[in-house]
Amino acid sequence: MTSYRFLDAMGNVVEEGDFDDHAAALAWARDGDHDEDVQRVEYLDPGAQRDWRWAGPLLD
């Protein structure tokens, strides 16, 4: 499982959660009632620096 965070237009965290892959996290962001708030999805890179990376665009 990978940790994801969902950010609004100001870069504030709206929600956090663990998902199996980017596709599942992006689908969750698009399909819920929170989709208007979520503008960006990032995941915690498990590499040595453990920083947040962009998961991909929120496309319908």
PDB file of N, CA and C in Angstrom:
ATOM      1  N   MET A   1       0.844  -1.178   0.000  1.00  0.00           N
ATOM      2  CA  MET A   1       0.000   0.000   0.000  1.00  0.00           C
ATOM      3  C   MET A   1       0.891   1.245   0.000  1.00  0.00           C
ATOM      4  N   THR A   2       0.390   2.243  -0.678  1.00  0.00           N
ATOM      5  CA  THR A   2       1.099   3.515  -0.772  1.00  0.00           C
ATOM      6  C   THR A   2       0.233   4.604  -0.151  1.00  0.00           C
ATOM      7  N   SER A   3       0.859   5.533   0.557  1.00  0.00           N
ATOM      8  CA  SER A   3       0.142   6.650   1.167  1.00  0.00           C
ATOM      9  C   SER A   3      -0.061   7.753   0.141  1.00  0.00           C
ATOM     10  N   TYR A   4      -1.289   8.276   0.102  1.00  0.00           N
ATOM     11  CA  TYR A   4      -1.650   9.365  -0.805  1.00  0.00           C
ATOM     12  C   TYR A   4      -2.244  10.496   0.004  1.00  0.00           C
ATOM     13  N   ARG A   5      -2.085  11.708  -0.523  1.00  0.00           N
ATOM     14  CA  ARG A   5      -2.766  12.850   0.064  1.00  0.00           C
ATOM     15  C   ARG A   5      -3.445  13.615  -1.056  1.00  0.00           C
ATOM     16  N   PHE A   6      -4.568  14.212  -0.701  1.00  0.00           N
ATOM     17  CA  PHE A   6      -5.430  14.889  -1.654  1.00  0.00           C
ATOM     18  C   PHE A   6      -5.486  16.356  -1.261  1.00  0.00           C
ATOM     19  N   LEU A   7      -5.082  17.234  -2.196  1.00  0.00           N
ATOM     20  CA  LEU A   7      -4.928  18.647  -1.895  1.00  0.00           C
ATOM     21  C   LEU A   7      -5.952  19.503  -2.627  1.00  0.00           C
ATOM     22  N   ASP A   8      -6.333  20.604  -1.992  1.00  0.00           N
ATOM     23  CA  ASP A   8      -7.238  21.554  -2.639  1.00  0.00           C
ATOM     24  C   ASP A   8      -6.431  22.548  -3.470  1.00  0.00           C
ATOM     25  N   ALA A   9      -7.104  23.547  -4.024  1.00  0.00           N
ATOM     26  CA  ALA A   9      -6.455  24.519  -4.901  1.00  0.00           C
ATOM     27  C   ALA A   9      -5.376  25.332  -4.184  1.00  0.00           C
ATOM     28  N   MET A  10      -5.483  25.480  -2.878  1.00  0.00           N
ATOM     29  CA  MET A  10      -4.502  26.238  -2.098  1.00  0.00           C
ATOM     30  C   MET A  10      -3.336  25.380  -1.618  1.00  0.00           C
ATOM     31  N   GLY A  11      -3.398  24.072  -1.893  1.00  0.00           N
ATOM     32  CA  GLY A  11      -2.335  23.174  -1.457  1.00  0.00           C
ATOM     33  C   GLY A  11      -2.542  22.604  -0.065  1.00  0.00           C
ATOM     34  N   ASN A  12      -3.733  22.822   0.491  1.00  0.00           N
ATOM     35  CA  ASN A  12      -4.054  22.269   1.800  1.00  0.00           C
ATOM     36  C   ASN A  12      -4.532  20.834   1.646  1.00  0.00           C
ATOM     37  N   VAL A  13      -4.156  19.990   2.582  1.00  0.00           N
ATOM     38  CA  VAL A  13      -4.565  18.590   2.547  1.00  0.00           C
ATOM     39  C   VAL A  13      -6.042  18.483   2.906  1.00  0.00           C
ATOM     40  N   VAL A  14      -6.820  17.893   1.996  1.00  0.00           N
ATOM     41  CA  VAL A  14      -8.250  17.679   2.191  1.00  0.00           C
ATOM     42  C   VAL A  14      -8.481  16.319   2.840  1.00  0.00           C
ATOM     43  N   GLU A  15      -7.702  15.336   2.419  1.00  0.00           N
ATOM     44  CA  GLU A  15      -7.879  13.949   2.866  1.00  0.00           C
ATOM     45  C   GLU A  15      -6.559  13.213   2.666  1.00  0.00           C
ATOM     46  N   GLU A  16      -6.376  12.133   3.399  1.00  0.00           N
ATOM     47  CA  GLU A  16      -5.233  11.240   3.220  1.00  0.00           C
ATOM     48  C   GLU A  16      -5.738   9.811   3.242  1.00  0.00           C
ATOM     49  N   GLY A  17      -5.017   8.924   2.577  1.00  0.00           N
ATOM     50  CA  GLY A  17      -5.417   7.527   2.580  1.00  0.00           C
ATOM     51  C   GLY A  17      -4.375   6.646   1.928  1.00  0.00           C
ATOM     52  N   ASP A  18      -4.536   5.355   2.085  1.00  0.00           N
ATOM     53  CA  ASP A  18      -3.630   4.365   1.493  1.00  0.00           C
ATOM     54  C   ASP A  18      -4.362   3.633   0.381  1.00  0.00           C
ATOM     55  N   PHE A  19      -3.683   3.488  -0.763  1.00  0.00           N
ATOM     56  CA  PHE A  19      -4.260   2.823  -1.926  1.00  0.00           C
ATOM     57  C   PHE A  19      -3.219   1.904  -2.548  1.00  0.00           C
ATOM     58  N   ASP A  20      -3.707   0.931  -3.325  1.00  0.00           N
ATOM     59  CA  ASP A  20      -2.814  -0.024  -3.980  1.00  0.00           C
ATOM     60  C   ASP A  20      -2.003   0.601  -5.107  1.00  0.00           C
ATOM     61  N   ASP A  21      -2.598   1.579  -5.814  1.00  0.00           N
ATOM     62  CA  ASP A  21      -1.891   2.183  -6.945  1.00  0.00           C
ATOM     63  C   ASP A  21      -2.463   3.560  -7.262  1.00  0.00           C
ATOM     64  N   HIS A  22      -1.802   4.260  -8.199  1.00  0.00           N
ATOM     65  CA  HIS A  22      -2.230   5.604  -8.588  1.00  0.00           C
ATOM     66  C   HIS A  22      -3.653   5.599  -9.134  1.00  0.00           C
ATOM     67  N   ALA A  23      -3.966   4.617  -9.960  1.00  0.00           N
ATOM     68  CA  ALA A  23      -5.289   4.561 -10.583  1.00  0.00           C
ATOM     69  C   ALA A  23      -6.397   4.528  -9.528  1.00  0.00           C
ATOM     70  N   ALA A  24      -6.217   3.755  -8.488  1.00  0.00           N
ATOM     71  CA  ALA A  24      -7.226   3.652  -7.424  1.00  0.00           C
ATOM     72  C   ALA A  24      -7.353   4.974  -6.665  1.00  0.00           C
ATOM     73  N   ALA A  25      -6.245   5.618  -6.381  1.00  0.00           N
ATOM     74  CA  ALA A  25      -6.273   6.893  -5.662  1.00  0.00           C
ATOM     75  C   ALA A  25      -6.917   7.986  -6.514  1.00  0.00           C
ATOM     76  N   LEU A  26      -6.572   8.041  -7.783  1.00  0.00           N
ATOM     77  CA  LEU A  26      -7.150   9.045  -8.676  1.00  0.00           C
ATOM     78  C   LEU A  26      -8.648   8.815  -8.865  1.00  0.00           C
ATOM     79  N   ALA A  27      -9.049   7.560  -8.978  1.00  0.00           N
ATOM     80  CA  ALA A  27     -10.472   7.236  -9.111  1.00  0.00           C
ATOM     81  C   ALA A  27     -11.228   7.660  -7.855  1.00  0.00           C
ATOM     82  N   TRP A  28     -10.663   7.421  -6.689  1.00  0.00           N
ATOM     83  CA  TRP A  28     -11.297   7.823  -5.436  1.00  0.00           C
ATOM     84  C   TRP A  28     -11.479   9.343  -5.411  1.00  0.00           C
ATOM     85  N   ALA A  29     -10.472  10.081  -5.854  1.00  0.00           N
ATOM     86  CA  ALA A  29     -10.540  11.542  -5.854  1.00  0.00           C
ATOM     87  C   ALA A  29     -11.617  12.051  -6.811  1.00  0.00           C
ATOM     88  N   ARG A  30     -11.781  11.392  -7.941  1.00  0.00           N
ATOM     89  CA  ARG A  30     -12.773  11.803  -8.943  1.00  0.00           C
ATOM     90  C   ARG A  30     -14.188  11.415  -8.570  1.00  0.00           C
ATOM     91  N   ASP A  31     -14.361  10.260  -7.953  1.00  0.00           N
ATOM     92  CA  ASP A  31     -15.685   9.658  -7.803  1.00  0.00           C
ATOM     93  C   ASP A  31     -16.434  10.020  -6.526  1.00  0.00           C
ATOM     94  N   GLY A  32     -15.789  10.669  -5.583  1.00  0.00           N
ATOM     95  CA  GLY A  32     -16.460  10.971  -4.326  1.00  0.00           C
ATOM     96  C   GLY A  32     -17.112  12.338  -4.316  1.00  0.00           C
ATOM     97  N   ASP A  33     -17.787  12.654  -3.222  1.00  0.00           N
ATOM     98  CA  ASP A  33     -18.436  13.952  -3.094  1.00  0.00           C
ATOM     99  C   ASP A  33     -17.435  15.059  -2.779  1.00  0.00           C
ATOM    100  N   HIS A  34     -16.187  14.706  -2.587  1.00  0.00           N
ATOM    101  CA  HIS A  34     -15.103  15.642  -2.280  1.00  0.00           C
ATOM    102  C   HIS A  34     -14.379  16.116  -3.537  1.00  0.00           C
ATOM    103  N   ASP A  35     -14.799  15.639  -4.719  1.00  0.00           N
ATOM    104  CA  ASP A  35     -14.052  15.880  -5.949  1.00  0.00           C
ATOM    105  C   ASP A  35     -13.890  17.355  -6.298  1.00  0.00           C
ATOM    106  N   GLU A  36     -14.811  18.216  -5.882  1.00  0.00           N
ATOM    107  CA  GLU A  36     -14.655  19.635  -6.174  1.00  0.00           C
ATOM    108  C   GLU A  36     -13.534  20.253  -5.345  1.00  0.00           C
ATOM    109  N   ASP A  37     -13.269  19.703  -4.178  1.00  0.00           N
ATOM    110  CA  ASP A  37     -12.200  20.213  -3.325  1.00  0.00           C
ATOM    111  C   ASP A  37     -10.833  19.723  -3.770  1.00  0.00           C
ATOM    112  N   VAL A  38     -10.742  18.508  -4.247  1.00  0.00           N
ATOM    113  CA  VAL A  38      -9.463  17.909  -4.601  1.00  0.00           C
ATOM    114  C   VAL A  38      -8.995  18.422  -5.955  1.00  0.00           C
ATOM    115  N   GLN A  39      -7.827  19.036  -5.954  1.00  0.00           N
ATOM    116  CA  GLN A  39      -7.239  19.565  -7.183  1.00  0.00           C
ATOM    117  C   GLN A  39      -5.947  18.842  -7.556  1.00  0.00           C
ATOM    118  N   ARG A  40      -5.363  18.142  -6.588  1.00  0.00           N
ATOM    119  CA  ARG A  40      -4.071  17.484  -6.816  1.00  0.00           C
ATOM    120  C   ARG A  40      -3.985  16.243  -5.930  1.00  0.00           C
ATOM    121  N   VAL A  41      -3.379  15.194  -6.475  1.00  0.00           N
ATOM    122  CA  VAL A  41      -3.160  13.966  -5.724  1.00  0.00           C
ATOM    123  C   VAL A  41      -1.665  13.695  -5.714  1.00  0.00           C
ATOM    124  N   GLU A  42      -1.130  13.448  -4.539  1.00  0.00           N
ATOM    125  CA  GLU A  42       0.295  13.151  -4.390  1.00  0.00           C
ATOM    126  C   GLU A  42       0.467  11.854  -3.614  1.00  0.00           C
ATOM    127  N   TYR A  43       1.589  11.179  -3.857  1.00  0.00           N
ATOM    128  CA  TYR A  43       1.892   9.966  -3.114  1.00  0.00           C
ATOM    129  C   TYR A  43       3.241  10.108  -2.441  1.00  0.00           C
ATOM    130  N   LEU A  44       3.419   9.370  -1.359  1.00  0.00           N
ATOM    131  CA  LEU A  44       4.667   9.396  -0.609  1.00  0.00           C
ATOM    132  C   LEU A  44       5.632   8.422  -1.255  1.00  0.00           C
ATOM    133  N   ASP A  45       6.664   8.964  -1.880  1.00  0.00           N
ATOM    134  CA  ASP A  45       7.687   8.155  -2.543  1.00  0.00           C
ATOM    135  C   ASP A  45       8.456   7.367  -1.483  1.00  0.00           C
ATOM    136  N   PRO A  46       8.504   6.046  -1.609  1.00  0.00           N
ATOM    137  CA  PRO A  46       9.174   5.231  -0.595  1.00  0.00           C
ATOM    138  C   PRO A  46      10.698   5.266  -0.698  1.00  0.00           C
ATOM    139  N   GLY A  47      11.247   6.039  -1.607  1.00  0.00           N
ATOM    140  CA  GLY A  47      12.692   6.125  -1.790  1.00  0.00           C
ATOM    141  C   GLY A  47      13.393   6.708  -0.572  1.00  0.00           C
ATOM    142  N   ALA A  48      14.683   6.887  -0.706  1.00  0.00           N
ATOM    143  CA  ALA A  48      15.528   7.340   0.401  1.00  0.00           C
ATOM    144  C   ALA A  48      15.088   8.692   0.972  1.00  0.00           C
ATOM    145  N   GLN A  49      14.590   9.594   0.125  1.00  0.00           N
ATOM    146  CA  GLN A  49      14.222  10.927   0.600  1.00  0.00           C
ATOM    147  C   GLN A  49      12.791  11.013   1.122  1.00  0.00           C
ATOM    148  N   ARG A  50      11.955  10.013   0.803  1.00  0.00           N
ATOM    149  CA  ARG A  50      10.570   9.943   1.272  1.00  0.00           C
ATOM    150  C   ARG A  50       9.849  11.277   1.122  1.00  0.00           C
ATOM    151  N   ASP A  51       9.780  11.785  -0.105  1.00  0.00           N
ATOM    152  CA  ASP A  51       9.065  13.027  -0.343  1.00  0.00           C
ATOM    153  C   ASP A  51       7.798  12.777  -1.154  1.00  0.00           C
ATOM    154  N   TRP A  52       6.917  13.782  -1.199  1.00  0.00           N
ATOM    155  CA  TRP A  52       5.644  13.679  -1.897  1.00  0.00           C
ATOM    156  C   TRP A  52       5.838  13.952  -3.369  1.00  0.00           C
ATOM    157  N   ARG A  53       5.215  13.121  -4.220  1.00  0.00           N
ATOM    158  CA  ARG A  53       5.300  13.238  -5.674  1.00  0.00           C
ATOM    159  C   ARG A  53       3.896  13.306  -6.264  1.00  0.00           C
ATOM    160  N   TRP A  54       3.782  13.954  -7.416  1.00  0.00           N
ATOM    161  CA  TRP A  54       2.513  14.069  -8.118  1.00  0.00           C
ATOM    162  C   TRP A  54       2.088  12.709  -8.648  1.00  0.00           C
ATOM    163  N   ALA A  55       0.830  12.327  -8.414  1.00  0.00           N
ATOM    164  CA  ALA A  55       0.337  11.014  -8.833  1.00  0.00           C
ATOM    165  C   ALA A  55      -0.231  11.021 -10.248  1.00  0.00           C
ATOM    166  N   GLY A  56      -0.599  12.181 -10.778  1.00  0.00           N
ATOM    167  CA  GLY A  56      -1.145  12.254 -12.125  1.00  0.00           C
ATOM    168  C   GLY A  56      -2.349  13.158 -12.190  1.00  0.00           C
ATOM    169  N   PRO A  57      -2.813  13.444 -13.405  1.00  0.00           N
ATOM    170  CA  PRO A  57      -3.931  14.371 -13.574  1.00  0.00           C
ATOM    171  C   PRO A  57      -5.272  13.746 -13.192  1.00  0.00           C
ATOM    172  N   LEU A  58      -6.179  14.584 -12.740  1.00  0.00           N
ATOM    173  CA  LEU A  58      -7.541  14.145 -12.428  1.00  0.00           C
ATOM    174  C   LEU A  58      -8.385  14.295 -13.677  1.00  0.00           C
ATOM    175  N   LEU A  59      -8.417  13.259 -14.477  1.00  0.00           N
ATOM    176  CA  LEU A  59      -9.182  13.265 -15.729  1.00  0.00           C
ATOM    177  C   LEU A  59     -10.472  12.481 -15.561  1.00  0.00           C
ATOM    178  N   ASP A  60     -11.509  12.916 -16.237  1.00  0.00           N
ATOM    179  CA  ASP A  60     -12.780  12.179 -16.212  1.00  0.00           C
ATOM    180  C   ASP A  60     -12.802  11.147 -17.304  1.00  0.00           C
TER     181      ASP A  60
END
